[in-house]
N, C-alpha and C. Protein backbone atom coordinates (compact mmCIF):
# COMPACT_ATOMS: atom_id res chain seq x y z
N MET A 1 -30.81 -4.51 15.86
CA MET A 1 -30.51 -3.46 15.32
C MET A 1 -30.22 -2.36 16.13
N GLN A 2 -29.40 -1.54 15.68
CA GLN A 2 -29.10 -0.01 16.60
C GLN A 2 -30.15 1.12 15.73
N CYS A 3 -30.32 2.01 16.64
CA CYS A 3 -31.30 2.79 16.47
C CYS A 3 -30.26 4.15 15.80
N GLU A 4 -30.60 4.73 14.44
CA GLU A 4 -29.45 5.44 13.89
C GLU A 4 -29.29 6.96 14.49
N LEU A 5 -30.59 7.29 15.38
CA LEU A 5 -30.37 8.40 16.08
C LEU A 5 -29.69 8.44 17.19
N CYS A 6 -29.80 7.38 18.05
CA CYS A 6 -29.27 7.47 19.58
C CYS A 6 -28.32 6.32 19.56
N GLY A 7 -28.27 5.49 18.78
CA GLY A 7 -27.50 4.19 18.86
C GLY A 7 -27.82 3.02 19.67
N LYS A 8 -28.83 3.06 20.78
CA LYS A 8 -29.52 2.12 21.26
C LYS A 8 -29.94 0.80 20.48
N GLU A 9 -29.68 -0.32 21.19
CA GLU A 9 -30.26 -1.42 20.61
C GLU A 9 -31.89 -1.59 20.68
N CYS A 10 -32.14 -1.67 19.18
CA CYS A 10 -33.76 -1.54 19.45
C CYS A 10 -34.44 -2.85 18.83
N GLY A 11 -33.40 -3.86 18.42
CA GLY A 11 -33.85 -5.20 18.02
C GLY A 11 -34.94 -5.24 16.79
N ASP A 12 -36.06 -5.88 16.96
CA ASP A 12 -37.14 -5.67 16.30
C ASP A 12 -38.16 -4.85 16.39
N ARG A 13 -38.02 -3.88 17.47
CA ARG A 13 -38.92 -3.02 17.65
C ARG A 13 -38.59 -1.64 16.70
N GLY A 14 -37.60 -1.57 16.41
CA GLY A 14 -37.37 -0.35 15.32
C GLY A 14 -37.99 -0.20 14.31
N ARG A 15 -38.36 1.02 14.16
CA ARG A 15 -39.11 1.66 12.90
C ARG A 15 -38.72 2.42 12.02
N ILE A 16 -38.74 2.12 10.82
CA ILE A 16 -38.39 3.17 9.82
C ILE A 16 -39.35 4.50 9.74
N ALA A 17 -38.43 5.65 9.85
CA ALA A 17 -39.38 6.78 9.88
C ALA A 17 -38.15 7.77 9.16
N ILE A 18 -38.71 9.15 9.26
CA ILE A 18 -38.10 10.40 8.42
C ILE A 18 -37.60 11.32 9.29
N VAL A 19 -36.36 11.59 9.49
CA VAL A 19 -36.10 12.68 10.24
C VAL A 19 -35.09 13.80 9.32
N ASP A 20 -35.64 14.90 9.19
CA ASP A 20 -35.16 15.99 8.32
C ASP A 20 -34.79 15.78 7.00
N GLY A 21 -35.77 14.73 6.30
CA GLY A 21 -35.96 14.14 4.93
C GLY A 21 -34.92 12.91 4.54
N VAL A 22 -34.71 12.24 5.80
CA VAL A 22 -33.65 11.10 5.66
C VAL A 22 -34.26 9.95 6.48
N GLN A 23 -34.76 9.01 5.49
CA GLN A 23 -35.20 7.74 6.26
C GLN A 23 -34.26 7.11 7.07
N MET A 24 -34.53 6.58 8.38
CA MET A 24 -33.70 6.00 9.43
C MET A 24 -34.47 5.10 10.13
N LEU A 25 -33.49 4.17 10.82
CA LEU A 25 -34.35 3.23 11.56
C LEU A 25 -34.24 3.62 13.04
N LEU A 26 -35.31 3.82 13.76
CA LEU A 26 -35.45 4.79 14.85
C LEU A 26 -35.89 3.45 15.95
N CYS A 27 -35.40 3.81 17.40
CA CYS A 27 -36.06 3.09 18.47
C CYS A 27 -37.29 3.68 18.76
N PRO A 28 -38.19 3.32 19.64
CA PRO A 28 -39.36 3.53 19.98
C PRO A 28 -39.22 4.92 20.91
N SER A 29 -38.17 5.30 21.54
CA SER A 29 -37.88 6.63 22.04
C SER A 29 -37.60 7.52 21.46
N CYS A 30 -37.13 7.39 20.19
CA CYS A 30 -36.56 8.34 19.27
C CYS A 30 -37.70 8.54 18.08
N ILE A 31 -38.65 7.91 17.83
CA ILE A 31 -39.80 7.80 17.00
C ILE A 31 -40.34 9.23 16.91
N LYS A 32 -40.59 9.51 18.24
CA LYS A 32 -41.39 11.02 18.53
C LYS A 32 -40.70 12.15 17.96
N TYR A 33 -39.21 12.20 17.50
CA TYR A 33 -38.64 13.11 16.62
C TYR A 33 -38.62 13.01 15.21
N ALA A 34 -39.46 12.16 14.65
CA ALA A 34 -39.61 11.92 13.35
C ALA A 34 -40.95 11.74 12.67
N GLN A 35 -40.91 11.76 11.42
CA GLN A 35 -42.36 11.51 10.77
C GLN A 35 -42.15 10.11 10.47
N THR A 36 -43.37 9.55 10.96
CA THR A 36 -43.36 7.83 10.90
C THR A 36 -43.66 7.76 9.29
N VAL A 37 -43.31 6.59 8.72
CA VAL A 37 -43.55 6.15 7.44
C VAL A 37 -44.32 4.81 7.62
N LYS A 38 -45.60 5.08 7.08
CA LYS A 38 -46.50 3.74 7.21
C LYS A 38 -45.64 2.63 6.18
N GLN A 39 -45.77 1.49 6.78
CA GLN A 39 -44.81 0.39 6.28
C GLN A 39 -45.78 0.14 4.70
N GLU A 40 -46.97 0.46 4.22
CA GLU A 40 -47.36 0.15 3.06
C GLU A 40 -46.75 1.33 2.16
N GLU A 41 -46.62 2.53 2.70
CA GLU A 41 -45.82 3.57 1.99
C GLU A 41 -44.39 3.26 1.30
N MET A 42 -43.70 2.53 2.03
CA MET A 42 -42.14 2.10 1.59
C MET A 42 -42.60 0.61 1.21
N PRO A 43 -42.07 0.82 -0.19
CA PRO A 43 -41.69 -0.66 -0.91
C PRO A 43 -40.60 -1.71 -0.21
N PRO A 44 -41.16 -2.93 -0.31
CA PRO A 44 -40.33 -3.79 0.35
C PRO A 44 -38.65 -3.97 -0.06
N VAL A 45 -38.93 -3.46 -1.27
CA VAL A 45 -37.30 -3.33 -2.04
C VAL A 45 -36.36 -2.24 -1.12
N LEU A 46 -37.26 -1.14 -1.08
CA LEU A 46 -36.51 0.26 -0.32
C LEU A 46 -35.98 -0.17 0.96
N LYS A 47 -37.03 -0.80 1.51
CA LYS A 47 -36.87 -1.40 3.24
C LYS A 47 -35.85 -2.23 3.23
N GLN A 48 -35.63 -3.33 2.31
CA GLN A 48 -34.34 -4.16 2.17
C GLN A 48 -33.01 -3.36 2.16
N ARG A 49 -33.13 -2.49 0.93
CA ARG A 49 -31.70 -1.76 0.84
C ARG A 49 -31.36 -0.76 1.95
N LEU A 50 -32.44 -0.46 2.90
CA LEU A 50 -32.05 0.51 3.91
C LEU A 50 -31.60 -0.13 5.18
N LEU A 51 -32.08 -1.41 5.42
CA LEU A 51 -31.63 -2.36 6.19
C LEU A 51 -30.12 -2.99 5.98
N LYS A 52 -29.93 -3.18 4.64
CA LYS A 52 -28.53 -3.59 4.28
C LYS A 52 -27.66 -2.30 4.20
N ARG A 53 -27.84 -1.18 4.15
CA ARG A 53 -26.92 -0.15 4.40
C ARG A 53 -26.64 0.20 5.98
N ILE A 54 -27.83 -0.16 6.78
CA ILE A 54 -27.65 -0.12 8.17
C ILE A 54 -26.56 -1.02 8.70
N HIS A 55 -26.60 -2.40 8.13
CA HIS A 55 -25.68 -3.55 8.42
C HIS A 55 -24.33 -3.17 7.73
N LYS A 56 -24.14 -2.45 7.11
CA LYS A 56 -22.87 -2.46 6.42
C LYS A 56 -22.19 -1.22 7.16
N THR A 57 -22.75 -0.31 7.78
CA THR A 57 -22.35 0.81 8.67
C THR A 57 -22.12 0.72 10.17
N VAL A 58 -22.20 -0.81 10.44
CA VAL A 58 -21.89 -1.13 11.77
C VAL A 58 -20.53 -1.67 12.32
N LYS A 59 -19.80 -1.76 10.86
CA LYS A 59 -18.53 -2.34 11.19
C LYS A 59 -17.70 -1.45 12.05
N THR A 60 -16.80 -2.21 12.95
CA THR A 60 -16.24 -1.63 13.91
C THR A 60 -14.66 -1.33 13.63
N LYS A 61 -14.09 -0.22 13.63
CA LYS A 61 -12.49 -0.10 13.31
C LYS A 61 -11.82 0.33 14.42
N ASP A 62 -10.58 0.02 14.66
CA ASP A 62 -9.56 0.43 15.49
C ASP A 62 -9.10 1.73 15.01
N ILE A 63 -9.47 3.03 15.53
CA ILE A 63 -9.11 3.84 14.69
C ILE A 63 -7.59 4.56 15.19
N TYR A 64 -6.88 3.65 16.45
CA TYR A 64 -5.71 4.12 16.96
C TYR A 64 -4.86 3.22 16.22
N GLU A 65 -5.27 2.22 15.16
CA GLU A 65 -4.20 1.40 14.67
C GLU A 65 -3.18 1.85 13.80
N LYS A 66 -3.36 2.88 13.06
CA LYS A 66 -2.45 3.60 12.15
C LYS A 66 -1.44 4.77 13.25
N MET A 67 -2.07 5.09 14.20
CA MET A 67 -1.47 6.09 14.92
C MET A 67 0.00 5.79 15.62
N ASP A 68 1.02 5.74 15.00
CA ASP A 68 2.24 5.14 15.55
C ASP A 68 3.30 6.27 15.83
N LYS A 69 3.09 7.61 15.74
CA LYS A 69 3.80 8.59 16.23
C LYS A 69 2.78 9.57 16.91
N GLU A 70 3.39 10.48 17.72
CA GLU A 70 2.79 11.31 18.47
C GLU A 70 3.63 12.67 18.61
N LEU A 71 3.03 13.74 18.93
CA LEU A 71 3.79 15.18 19.08
C LEU A 71 4.51 15.13 20.31
N ILE A 72 5.63 15.46 20.30
CA ILE A 72 6.74 15.52 21.46
C ILE A 72 6.16 16.50 22.19
N PRO A 73 6.42 16.26 23.72
CA PRO A 73 5.85 16.84 24.95
C PRO A 73 5.99 18.43 24.71
N ASP A 74 7.24 18.81 24.34
CA ASP A 74 7.77 20.40 24.26
C ASP A 74 7.60 21.03 23.27
N TRP A 75 6.94 20.52 22.32
CA TRP A 75 6.49 21.18 20.77
C TRP A 75 6.76 22.63 20.50
N HIS A 76 6.09 23.15 21.41
CA HIS A 76 5.57 24.61 21.19
C HIS A 76 7.10 25.33 21.51
N ILE A 77 8.15 25.01 22.51
CA ILE A 77 9.29 25.47 22.63
C ILE A 77 10.19 25.11 21.64
N VAL A 78 10.22 23.70 21.07
CA VAL A 78 11.23 23.27 20.11
C VAL A 78 10.75 24.47 19.05
N ILE A 79 9.48 24.67 18.69
CA ILE A 79 9.17 25.59 17.20
C ILE A 79 9.94 27.04 17.61
N ARG A 80 9.44 27.54 18.59
CA ARG A 80 9.80 28.94 18.75
C ARG A 80 11.39 29.05 18.86
N ASN A 81 12.06 27.96 19.58
CA ASN A 81 13.41 28.01 19.45
C ASN A 81 14.06 27.71 17.92
N ALA A 82 13.53 26.89 17.23
CA ALA A 82 14.16 26.64 15.98
C ALA A 82 13.78 28.06 14.64
N ARG A 83 12.39 28.61 15.01
CA ARG A 83 12.41 29.68 14.54
C ARG A 83 13.43 30.82 14.37
N GLU A 84 13.48 31.10 15.76
CA GLU A 84 14.73 32.11 16.19
C GLU A 84 16.00 31.71 15.90
N ARG A 85 16.06 30.57 16.01
CA ARG A 85 17.67 29.94 15.67
C ARG A 85 17.80 30.28 14.07
N LYS A 86 16.84 30.18 13.20
CA LYS A 86 16.74 30.19 11.64
C LYS A 86 16.59 31.95 11.33
N GLY A 87 16.28 32.37 12.18
CA GLY A 87 16.18 34.21 11.99
C GLY A 87 14.86 34.46 11.39
N PHE A 88 13.79 33.72 11.50
CA PHE A 88 12.49 33.93 11.03
C PHE A 88 11.47 34.85 11.93
N SER A 89 10.86 35.51 11.33
CA SER A 89 9.92 36.38 12.31
C SER A 89 8.51 35.38 12.15
N ARG A 90 7.69 35.86 12.86
CA ARG A 90 6.12 34.62 12.88
C ARG A 90 5.69 35.11 11.59
N GLU A 91 5.66 36.03 11.14
CA GLU A 91 4.95 36.50 9.91
C GLU A 91 5.70 35.87 8.53
N GLU A 92 7.24 35.72 8.67
CA GLU A 92 7.70 35.17 7.49
C GLU A 92 7.61 33.36 7.51
N LEU A 93 7.75 33.13 8.72
CA LEU A 93 7.12 31.35 9.04
C LEU A 93 5.86 31.08 8.52
N GLY A 94 4.84 32.17 8.92
CA GLY A 94 3.61 31.80 8.41
C GLY A 94 3.64 31.97 7.08
N PHE A 95 3.83 32.62 6.44
CA PHE A 95 4.16 32.90 4.90
C PHE A 95 4.83 31.74 4.52
N ARG A 96 6.02 31.27 4.92
CA ARG A 96 6.45 29.94 4.25
C ARG A 96 5.69 28.76 4.19
N ILE A 97 4.73 28.53 5.47
CA ILE A 97 3.92 27.28 5.56
C ILE A 97 2.60 27.61 5.08
N GLY A 98 2.24 28.73 4.72
CA GLY A 98 0.90 29.05 4.49
C GLY A 98 0.08 29.02 5.59
N GLU A 99 0.42 29.71 6.77
CA GLU A 99 -0.40 29.73 7.90
C GLU A 99 -0.53 31.35 8.26
N ARG A 100 -1.56 31.72 9.00
CA ARG A 100 -1.58 33.23 9.38
C ARG A 100 -0.58 33.16 10.85
N THR A 101 -0.09 34.39 10.95
CA THR A 101 0.67 34.86 11.89
C THR A 101 0.23 34.56 13.39
N VAL A 102 -1.29 34.89 13.61
CA VAL A 102 -1.88 34.62 14.69
C VAL A 102 -1.58 32.91 15.17
N THR A 103 -1.93 32.27 13.89
CA THR A 103 -2.03 30.97 14.34
C THR A 103 -0.28 30.48 14.65
N ILE A 104 0.56 30.98 13.85
CA ILE A 104 2.11 30.78 14.53
C ILE A 104 2.26 30.89 16.03
N ALA A 105 1.60 32.36 16.21
CA ALA A 105 1.93 32.79 17.67
C ALA A 105 1.22 31.84 18.61
N LYS A 106 -0.17 31.48 18.23
CA LYS A 106 -0.57 30.67 19.38
C LYS A 106 -0.25 29.16 19.30
N ILE A 107 0.48 28.85 18.40
CA ILE A 107 1.06 27.52 18.30
C ILE A 107 2.43 27.50 19.34
N GLU A 108 3.38 28.58 18.94
CA GLU A 108 4.50 28.89 19.88
C GLU A 108 4.18 29.30 21.35
N ASN A 109 3.05 29.76 21.67
CA ASN A 109 2.50 29.93 23.12
C ASN A 109 2.14 28.62 23.78
N GLY A 110 1.74 27.56 22.87
CA GLY A 110 1.19 26.42 22.97
C GLY A 110 -0.40 26.49 23.55
N GLU A 111 -0.90 27.28 23.00
CA GLU A 111 -2.56 27.63 23.14
C GLU A 111 -3.00 26.98 21.96
N LEU A 112 -2.27 26.42 20.88
CA LEU A 112 -3.13 25.68 19.74
C LEU A 112 -2.04 24.67 19.15
N ARG A 113 -2.62 23.17 19.39
CA ARG A 113 -1.43 22.00 18.90
C ARG A 113 -1.83 22.22 17.66
N PRO A 114 -0.93 22.18 16.77
CA PRO A 114 -0.83 22.05 15.21
C PRO A 114 -1.30 20.81 14.89
N SER A 115 -1.98 20.68 13.61
CA SER A 115 -2.36 19.68 12.98
C SER A 115 -1.09 18.98 12.54
N ASP A 116 -1.34 17.64 12.24
CA ASP A 116 -0.27 16.80 11.54
C ASP A 116 0.37 17.33 10.49
N GLU A 117 -0.62 18.19 9.53
CA GLU A 117 -0.16 18.78 8.46
C GLU A 117 0.87 19.72 8.49
N VAL A 118 0.28 20.58 9.41
CA VAL A 118 1.22 22.00 9.95
C VAL A 118 2.51 21.40 10.54
N ALA A 119 2.23 20.67 11.45
CA ALA A 119 3.51 19.86 11.95
C ALA A 119 4.66 19.54 11.05
N ARG A 120 4.00 18.80 10.16
CA ARG A 120 5.16 18.08 8.91
C ARG A 120 5.59 19.60 8.19
N LYS A 121 4.66 20.44 7.89
CA LYS A 121 5.46 21.88 7.52
C LYS A 121 6.46 22.26 7.99
N LEU A 122 6.05 22.70 9.79
CA LEU A 122 7.09 23.23 10.33
C LEU A 122 8.29 22.17 10.48
N GLU A 123 8.02 21.14 10.52
CA GLU A 123 9.41 20.15 10.59
C GLU A 123 10.39 20.56 9.23
N LYS A 124 9.85 20.40 8.24
CA LYS A 124 10.59 20.62 6.90
C LYS A 124 10.99 21.75 7.04
N GLN A 125 10.41 23.07 7.22
CA GLN A 125 10.87 24.14 7.15
C GLN A 125 11.70 24.79 8.35
N LEU A 126 11.66 24.27 9.28
CA LEU A 126 12.75 24.41 10.41
C LEU A 126 13.67 23.52 10.74
N ASP A 127 13.52 22.42 10.09
CA ASP A 127 14.67 21.26 9.92
C ASP A 127 14.77 20.62 11.84
N ILE A 128 13.52 20.39 12.03
CA ILE A 128 13.31 19.86 13.35
C ILE A 128 12.56 18.79 13.53
N LYS A 129 12.30 17.99 14.49
CA LYS A 129 11.52 16.76 14.52
C LYS A 129 10.50 16.72 15.53
N LEU A 130 9.29 17.07 15.22
CA LEU A 130 8.27 17.03 16.09
C LEU A 130 7.42 15.89 16.56
N PHE A 131 7.58 14.81 15.87
CA PHE A 131 7.01 13.69 16.24
C PHE A 131 8.07 12.58 16.93
N GLU A 132 7.44 11.63 17.69
CA GLU A 132 8.00 10.62 18.35
C GLU A 132 7.30 9.09 18.12
N GLU A 133 8.05 8.32 17.94
CA GLU A 133 7.33 6.86 18.17
C GLU A 133 6.58 6.61 19.30
N VAL A 134 5.39 6.13 19.34
CA VAL A 134 4.43 5.74 20.49
C VAL A 134 5.17 4.41 20.65
N GLN A 135 5.52 4.32 22.15
CA GLN A 135 5.77 2.78 22.68
C GLN A 135 4.63 2.10 22.75
N LYS A 136 4.63 0.93 22.73
CA LYS A 136 3.52 -0.16 22.65
C LYS A 136 3.84 -0.47 24.28
N ILE A 137 2.63 -0.38 24.73
CA ILE A 137 2.43 -1.06 26.17
C ILE A 137 1.46 -1.85 26.29
N SER A 138 2.19 -3.12 26.81
CA SER A 138 1.39 -4.40 27.00
C SER A 138 0.68 -4.37 28.26
N ILE A 139 -0.55 -4.63 28.38
CA ILE A 139 -1.41 -4.84 29.68
C ILE A 139 -1.85 -6.00 29.97
N SER A 140 -1.17 -6.79 31.16
CA SER A 140 -1.65 -7.77 31.56
C SER A 140 -2.76 -7.75 32.44
N GLN A 141 -3.90 -8.56 32.49
CA GLN A 141 -5.22 -8.46 33.34
C GLN A 141 -4.59 -9.45 34.46
N ASN A 142 -5.01 -9.12 35.81
CA ASN A 142 -4.70 -9.67 37.02
C ASN A 142 -5.51 -11.22 36.88
N ARG A 143 -5.12 -12.24 37.33
CA ARG A 143 -5.71 -13.48 37.05
C ARG A 143 -6.83 -13.73 38.04
N GLY A 144 -6.93 -13.09 38.96
CA GLY A 144 -8.06 -13.17 40.05
C GLY A 144 -9.21 -12.22 39.53
N THR A 145 -9.34 -11.68 38.52
CA THR A 145 -10.36 -11.01 38.23
C THR A 145 -11.35 -11.80 37.51
N THR A 146 -12.66 -11.77 37.90
CA THR A 146 -13.65 -12.40 37.40
C THR A 146 -14.39 -11.69 36.36
N SER A 147 -14.44 -10.39 36.31
CA SER A 147 -15.14 -9.76 35.21
C SER A 147 -14.70 -9.99 33.66
N GLN A 148 -15.36 -9.57 32.57
CA GLN A 148 -14.82 -10.05 31.14
C GLN A 148 -13.59 -8.83 30.89
N GLY A 149 -13.91 -7.83 31.23
CA GLY A 149 -13.15 -6.31 30.94
C GLY A 149 -12.07 -5.94 31.98
N PHE A 150 -11.31 -5.03 31.52
CA PHE A 150 -10.34 -4.43 32.39
C PHE A 150 -10.95 -3.39 33.45
N THR A 151 -10.47 -3.37 34.87
CA THR A 151 -10.91 -2.61 35.66
C THR A 151 -9.83 -1.57 36.02
N LEU A 152 -10.03 -0.25 36.89
CA LEU A 152 -9.02 0.75 36.98
C LEU A 152 -7.88 0.02 37.67
N GLY A 153 -8.19 -0.87 38.56
CA GLY A 153 -6.89 -1.64 39.18
C GLY A 153 -5.92 -2.56 38.33
N ASP A 154 -6.49 -2.68 37.22
CA ASP A 154 -5.54 -3.48 36.03
C ASP A 154 -4.36 -2.55 35.59
N PHE A 155 -4.83 -1.27 35.73
CA PHE A 155 -3.85 -0.37 35.26
C PHE A 155 -2.90 0.26 36.06
N ILE A 156 -3.21 0.03 37.24
CA ILE A 156 -2.47 0.81 38.47
C ILE A 156 -1.08 -0.04 38.40
N LYS A 157 0.09 0.76 38.42
CA LYS A 157 1.49 0.19 38.55
C LYS A 157 1.87 0.06 40.08
N LYS A 158 1.95 -1.51 40.10
CA LYS A 158 2.53 -1.97 41.57
C LYS A 158 3.95 -1.94 41.51
N GLU A 159 4.49 -1.51 42.64
CA GLU A 159 5.89 -1.10 43.00
C GLU A 159 6.45 -2.36 43.80
């Protein structure tokens, strides 16, 4: 099992303790930051529920799975040119999409990347495309590699 504070694998050495009022499973090195709970204080039913909750949260997800679009490289220039072409001031554009003038200025200067929600509002208001499809890249591992994972050499493009 993993320590809920640092993430280290603690196996059967993990102990249940209280950190800021929350019961957690901690490794021996993190137990010093918590109030320990004596085993007889915690009913076995609660301990079992806690362990089940810990096992449920360990599921791994690929957070990049649904990311099929990305912001175009020159997004800030496209936004500024489209705003000027439409004849909007920064204040007017900000009012139309519900953002502050300072935010619009920072986006146009490339100092602030717009959130996906703001970018969609800008697309709609300015009739532009700010997102492009992400190209899938297939990476083949060298056959002579003895390690289980990839190395930096596997990602170097050879000519």
